Amino acid sequence: MSKLTFASLILYCVSSTVSFAADSIGEKFKQLDRNDDGYLTRSESARDPALWSRFKNYDSDKDNKLSLSEFKIYASK
């Protein structure tokens, strides 16, 4: 196998993994967002004890709800 083919294969695997992770983060957010308003409230986050206990740490705009972008920060750690 040539170096170019091998490098292409590695790049494809990495990009597929990143894409899968982003999809799974979005799916987890949708599962937690029971009222489908696009935000997670503290009570909705109770289904994920780790998120619930750190909710205020990830609520960067202090509006008492998490947007998908705020949730992504939690999910990426």
Protein backbone atom coordinates (compact mmCIF):
# COMPACT_ATOMS: atom_id res chain seq x y z
CA MET A 1 0.00 0.00 0.00
CA SER A 2 1.41 3.39 -0.95
CA LYS A 3 1.95 6.12 1.59
CA LEU A 4 -0.68 8.28 -0.12
CA THR A 5 -3.29 5.52 0.02
CA PHE A 6 -2.49 4.83 3.66
CA ALA A 7 -2.67 8.55 4.57
CA SER A 8 -6.00 8.84 2.73
CA LEU A 9 -7.36 5.87 4.63
CA ILE A 10 -6.30 7.35 7.99
CA LEU A 11 -7.84 10.73 7.09
CA TYR A 12 -11.10 9.05 6.08
CA CYS A 13 -11.28 7.12 9.37
CA VAL A 14 -10.63 10.24 11.44
CA SER A 15 -13.22 12.32 9.58
CA SER A 16 -15.79 9.53 9.86
CA THR A 17 -15.23 9.30 13.61
CA VAL A 18 -15.60 13.06 14.06
CA SER A 19 -18.79 13.08 11.99
CA PHE A 20 -20.21 10.17 13.98
CA ALA A 21 -19.40 11.90 17.26
CA ALA A 22 -21.13 15.10 16.13
CA ASP A 23 -24.20 13.12 15.08
CA SER A 24 -24.31 11.27 18.38
CA ILE A 25 -24.02 14.54 20.34
CA GLY A 26 -26.97 15.95 18.43
CA GLU A 27 -28.98 12.78 19.02
CA LYS A 28 -28.22 12.84 22.75
CA PHE A 29 -29.32 16.48 22.88
CA LYS A 30 -32.59 15.62 21.12
CA GLN A 31 -33.22 12.75 23.53
CA LEU A 32 -32.79 15.05 26.52
CA ASP A 33 -34.82 17.91 25.01
CA ARG A 34 -38.24 16.49 25.93
CA ASN A 35 -40.29 19.50 24.78
CA ASP A 36 -38.34 19.93 21.50
CA ASP A 37 -37.75 23.65 22.04
CA GLY A 38 -34.05 23.44 21.12
CA TYR A 39 -32.84 24.01 24.67
CA LEU A 40 -32.19 21.88 27.73
CA THR A 41 -33.57 23.05 31.04
CA ARG A 42 -32.14 21.96 34.34
CA SER A 43 -35.05 19.52 34.82
CA GLU A 44 -34.49 18.00 31.35
CA SER A 45 -30.82 17.55 32.16
CA ALA A 46 -31.72 15.42 35.20
CA ARG A 47 -31.77 12.37 32.91
CA ASP A 48 -27.96 12.78 32.71
CA PRO A 49 -26.70 13.07 36.32
CA ALA A 50 -23.24 14.32 35.28
CA LEU A 51 -24.78 17.09 33.19
CA TRP A 52 -27.33 17.95 35.86
CA SER A 53 -24.64 18.35 38.52
CA ARG A 54 -22.56 20.66 36.29
CA PHE A 55 -25.43 22.43 34.51
CA LYS A 56 -24.50 25.95 35.67
CA ASN A 57 -20.89 25.47 34.54
CA TYR A 58 -22.00 24.95 30.93
CA ASP A 59 -24.75 27.60 30.87
CA SER A 60 -22.35 30.25 29.58
CA ASP A 61 -25.00 32.93 28.96
CA LYS A 62 -26.69 32.26 32.33
CA ASP A 63 -30.19 31.96 30.85
CA ASN A 64 -30.96 28.77 32.81
CA LYS A 65 -31.01 26.63 29.69
CA LEU A 66 -28.41 24.98 27.49
CA SER A 67 -28.30 25.48 23.75
CA LEU A 68 -26.86 22.80 21.49
CA SER A 69 -23.57 24.70 21.31
CA GLU A 70 -23.34 24.85 25.11
CA PHE A 71 -24.22 21.15 25.31
CA LYS A 72 -21.49 20.32 22.78
CA ILE A 73 -18.91 21.79 25.15
CA TYR A 74 -20.17 19.45 27.89
CA ALA A 75 -20.34 16.45 25.56
CA SER A 76 -16.84 16.97 24.18
CA LYS A 77 -15.21 16.57 27.60
